[in-house]
Amino acid sequence: MIHYHQLITSTRFGSGFEVTLPGDGTYFLLLDSFSNSLANYCFRVV
């Protein structure tokens, strides 16, 4: 089954989160901000 434009999770920076993806496939990680200031971030795929 193919899902397009499906939001897996949404969270604010400053808090950690985990997500389990629903299956094999190609996923995109989108980082967005409404601020002009810089922010440090990291992510880990396991």
PDB file of N, CA and C in Angstrom:
ATOM      1  N   MET A   1       0.846  -1.172   0.000  1.00  0.00           N
ATOM      2  CA  MET A   1       0.000   0.000   0.000  1.00  0.00           C
ATOM      3  C   MET A   1       0.896   1.241   0.000  1.00  0.00           C
ATOM      4  N   ILE A   2       0.586   2.210  -0.821  1.00  0.00           N
ATOM      5  CA  ILE A   2       1.374   3.440  -0.921  1.00  0.00           C
ATOM      6  C   ILE A   2       0.585   4.589  -0.314  1.00  0.00           C
ATOM      7  N   HIS A   3       1.236   5.334   0.567  1.00  0.00           N
ATOM      8  CA  HIS A   3       0.618   6.514   1.176  1.00  0.00           C
ATOM      9  C   HIS A   3       1.421   7.729   0.746  1.00  0.00           C
ATOM     10  N   TYR A   4       0.761   8.736   0.256  1.00  0.00           N
ATOM     11  CA  TYR A   4       1.427   9.966  -0.138  1.00  0.00           C
ATOM     12  C   TYR A   4       1.022  11.088   0.803  1.00  0.00           C
ATOM     13  N   HIS A   5       1.971  11.953   1.113  1.00  0.00           N
ATOM     14  CA  HIS A   5       1.709  13.149   1.917  1.00  0.00           C
ATOM     15  C   HIS A   5       1.085  12.805   3.266  1.00  0.00           C
ATOM     16  N   GLN A   6       1.614  11.810   3.913  1.00  0.00           N
ATOM     17  CA  GLN A   6       1.093  11.396   5.208  1.00  0.00           C
ATOM     18  C   GLN A   6       1.997  11.955   6.291  1.00  0.00           C
ATOM     19  N   LEU A   7       1.430  12.693   7.221  1.00  0.00           N
ATOM     20  CA  LEU A   7       2.178  13.222   8.353  1.00  0.00           C
ATOM     21  C   LEU A   7       2.340  12.115   9.381  1.00  0.00           C
ATOM     22  N   ILE A   8       3.599  11.773   9.689  1.00  0.00           N
ATOM     23  CA  ILE A   8       3.863  10.716  10.660  1.00  0.00           C
ATOM     24  C   ILE A   8       3.817  11.284  12.074  1.00  0.00           C
ATOM     25  N   THR A   9       4.466  12.424  12.283  1.00  0.00           N
ATOM     26  CA  THR A   9       4.448  13.079  13.588  1.00  0.00           C
ATOM     27  C   THR A   9       4.770  14.550  13.420  1.00  0.00           C
ATOM     28  N   SER A  10       4.386  15.315  14.396  1.00  0.00           N
ATOM     29  CA  SER A  10       4.694  16.740  14.418  1.00  0.00           C
ATOM     30  C   SER A  10       5.025  17.110  15.856  1.00  0.00           C
ATOM     31  N   THR A  11       6.128  17.797  16.057  1.00  0.00           N
ATOM     32  CA  THR A  11       6.533  18.175  17.410  1.00  0.00           C
ATOM     33  C   THR A  11       7.288  19.485  17.367  1.00  0.00           C
ATOM     34  N   ARG A  12       7.338  20.161  18.483  1.00  0.00           N
ATOM     35  CA  ARG A  12       8.103  21.403  18.597  1.00  0.00           C
ATOM     36  C   ARG A  12       9.536  21.072  18.986  1.00  0.00           C
ATOM     37  N   PHE A  13      10.465  21.901  18.501  1.00  0.00           N
ATOM     38  CA  PHE A  13      11.855  21.722  18.913  1.00  0.00           C
ATOM     39  C   PHE A  13      11.977  22.001  20.401  1.00  0.00           C
ATOM     40  N   GLY A  14      12.987  21.444  21.002  1.00  0.00           N
ATOM     41  CA  GLY A  14      13.168  21.587  22.437  1.00  0.00           C
ATOM     42  C   GLY A  14      12.661  20.363  23.179  1.00  0.00           C
ATOM     43  N   SER A  15      11.999  19.475  22.457  1.00  0.00           N
ATOM     44  CA  SER A  15      11.539  18.236  23.073  1.00  0.00           C
ATOM     45  C   SER A  15      11.907  17.079  22.150  1.00  0.00           C
ATOM     46  N   GLY A  16      12.340  16.004  22.740  1.00  0.00           N
ATOM     47  CA  GLY A  16      12.692  14.832  21.951  1.00  0.00           C
ATOM     48  C   GLY A  16      11.448  14.039  21.589  1.00  0.00           C
ATOM     49  N   PHE A  17      11.570  13.189  20.603  1.00  0.00           N
ATOM     50  CA  PHE A  17      10.453  12.332  20.239  1.00  0.00           C
ATOM     51  C   PHE A  17      10.980  11.101  19.523  1.00  0.00           C
ATOM     52  N   GLU A  18      10.190  10.063  19.523  1.00  0.00           N
ATOM     53  CA  GLU A  18      10.478   8.845  18.776  1.00  0.00           C
ATOM     54  C   GLU A  18       9.295   8.569  17.873  1.00  0.00           C
ATOM     55  N   VAL A  19       9.576   7.946  16.753  1.00  0.00           N
ATOM     56  CA  VAL A  19       8.500   7.566  15.843  1.00  0.00           C
ATOM     57  C   VAL A  19       8.839   6.211  15.235  1.00  0.00           C
ATOM     58  N   THR A  20       7.845   5.367  15.087  1.00  0.00           N
ATOM     59  CA  THR A  20       7.991   4.096  14.389  1.00  0.00           C
ATOM     60  C   THR A  20       7.295   4.242  13.046  1.00  0.00           C
ATOM     61  N   LEU A  21       8.053   4.074  11.984  1.00  0.00           N
ATOM     62  CA  LEU A  21       7.496   4.247  10.646  1.00  0.00           C
ATOM     63  C   LEU A  21       6.633   3.046  10.283  1.00  0.00           C
ATOM     64  N   PRO A  22       5.584   3.267   9.493  1.00  0.00           N
ATOM     65  CA  PRO A  22       4.617   2.201   9.231  1.00  0.00           C
ATOM     66  C   PRO A  22       5.088   1.100   8.286  1.00  0.00           C
ATOM     67  N   GLY A  23       6.241   1.268   7.634  1.00  0.00           N
ATOM     68  CA  GLY A  23       6.702   0.214   6.734  1.00  0.00           C
ATOM     69  C   GLY A  23       7.917   0.645   5.950  1.00  0.00           C
ATOM     70  N   ASP A  24       8.389  -0.234   5.086  1.00  0.00           N
ATOM     71  CA  ASP A  24       9.521   0.077   4.215  1.00  0.00           C
ATOM     72  C   ASP A  24       9.131   1.161   3.229  1.00  0.00           C
ATOM     73  N   GLY A  25      10.132   1.882   2.752  1.00  0.00           N
ATOM     74  CA  GLY A  25       9.854   2.886   1.732  1.00  0.00           C
ATOM     75  C   GLY A  25      10.765   4.084   1.865  1.00  0.00           C
ATOM     76  N   THR A  26      10.457   5.111   1.121  1.00  0.00           N
ATOM     77  CA  THR A  26      11.207   6.360   1.145  1.00  0.00           C
ATOM     78  C   THR A  26      10.455   7.366   1.996  1.00  0.00           C
ATOM     79  N   TYR A  27      11.160   7.973   2.934  1.00  0.00           N
ATOM     80  CA  TYR A  27      10.570   8.977   3.816  1.00  0.00           C
ATOM     81  C   TYR A  27      11.384  10.251   3.718  1.00  0.00           C
ATOM     82  N   PHE A  28      10.758  11.373   3.967  1.00  0.00           N
ATOM     83  CA  PHE A  28      11.424  12.671   3.966  1.00  0.00           C
ATOM     84  C   PHE A  28      11.301  13.277   5.350  1.00  0.00           C
ATOM     85  N   LEU A  29      12.407  13.815   5.858  1.00  0.00           N
ATOM     86  CA  LEU A  29      12.414  14.513   7.137  1.00  0.00           C
ATOM     87  C   LEU A  29      12.376  16.000   6.833  1.00  0.00           C
ATOM     88  N   LEU A  30      11.338  16.672   7.280  1.00  0.00           N
ATOM     89  CA  LEU A  30      11.180  18.100   7.043  1.00  0.00           C
ATOM     90  C   LEU A  30      11.389  18.847   8.346  1.00  0.00           C
ATOM     91  N   LEU A  31      12.361  19.751   8.346  1.00  0.00           N
ATOM     92  CA  LEU A  31      12.607  20.624   9.490  1.00  0.00           C
ATOM     93  C   LEU A  31      12.218  22.029   9.068  1.00  0.00           C
ATOM     94  N   ASP A  32      11.347  22.663   9.837  1.00  0.00           N
ATOM     95  CA  ASP A  32      10.840  23.981   9.471  1.00  0.00           C
ATOM     96  C   ASP A  32      10.831  24.865  10.706  1.00  0.00           C
ATOM     97  N   SER A  33      10.962  26.151  10.492  1.00  0.00           N
ATOM     98  CA  SER A  33      10.979  27.098  11.603  1.00  0.00           C
ATOM     99  C   SER A  33      10.321  28.396  11.176  1.00  0.00           C
ATOM    100  N   PHE A  34       9.683  29.053  12.124  1.00  0.00           N
ATOM    101  CA  PHE A  34       9.109  30.374  11.892  1.00  0.00           C
ATOM    102  C   PHE A  34      10.012  31.456  12.449  1.00  0.00           C
ATOM    103  N   SER A  35      11.211  31.093  12.875  1.00  0.00           N
ATOM    104  CA  SER A  35      12.161  32.022  13.487  1.00  0.00           C
ATOM    105  C   SER A  35      13.335  32.244  12.544  1.00  0.00           C
ATOM    106  N   ASN A  36      13.930  33.415  12.617  1.00  0.00           N
ATOM    107  CA  ASN A  36      15.121  33.708  11.822  1.00  0.00           C
ATOM    108  C   ASN A  36      16.409  33.330  12.545  1.00  0.00           C
ATOM    109  N   SER A  37      16.319  32.929  13.811  1.00  0.00           N
ATOM    110  CA  SER A  37      17.517  32.576  14.571  1.00  0.00           C
ATOM    111  C   SER A  37      17.937  31.136  14.266  1.00  0.00           C
ATOM    112  N   LEU A  38      19.232  30.879  14.436  1.00  0.00           N
ATOM    113  CA  LEU A  38      19.780  29.548  14.183  1.00  0.00           C
ATOM    114  C   LEU A  38      19.425  28.601  15.317  1.00  0.00           C
ATOM    115  N   ALA A  39      19.365  27.327  15.013  1.00  0.00           N
ATOM    116  CA  ALA A  39      19.092  26.309  16.021  1.00  0.00           C
ATOM    117  C   ALA A  39      19.952  25.088  15.722  1.00  0.00           C
ATOM    118  N   ASN A  40      20.471  24.463  16.767  1.00  0.00           N
ATOM    119  CA  ASN A  40      21.204  23.210  16.624  1.00  0.00           C
ATOM    120  C   ASN A  40      20.213  22.057  16.693  1.00  0.00           C
ATOM    121  N   TYR A  41      20.441  21.032  15.901  1.00  0.00           N
ATOM    122  CA  TYR A  41      19.587  19.860  15.940  1.00  0.00           C
ATOM    123  C   TYR A  41      20.387  18.645  15.504  1.00  0.00           C
ATOM    124  N   CYS A  42      19.911  17.487  15.871  1.00  0.00           N
ATOM    125  CA  CYS A  42      20.486  16.238  15.401  1.00  0.00           C
ATOM    126  C   CYS A  42      19.373  15.200  15.359  1.00  0.00           C
ATOM    127  N   PHE A  43      19.572  14.172  14.575  1.00  0.00           N
ATOM    128  CA  PHE A  43      18.616  13.084  14.535  1.00  0.00           C
ATOM    129  C   PHE A  43      19.364  11.790  14.313  1.00  0.00           C
ATOM    130  N   ARG A  44      18.744  10.702  14.724  1.00  0.00           N
ATOM    131  CA  ARG A  44      19.351   9.384  14.600  1.00  0.00           C
ATOM    132  C   ARG A  44      18.323   8.426  14.014  1.00  0.00           C
ATOM    133  N   VAL A  45      18.721   7.701  13.017  1.00  0.00           N
ATOM    134  CA  VAL A  45      17.864   6.691  12.397  1.00  0.00           C
ATOM    135  C   VAL A  45      18.400   5.332  12.803  1.00  0.00           C
ATOM    136  N   VAL A  46      17.554   4.528  13.391  1.00  0.00           N
ATOM    137  CA  VAL A  46      17.954   3.206  13.873  1.00  0.00           C
ATOM    138  C   VAL A  46      17.174   2.148  13.137  1.00  0.00           C
TER     139      VAL A  46
END
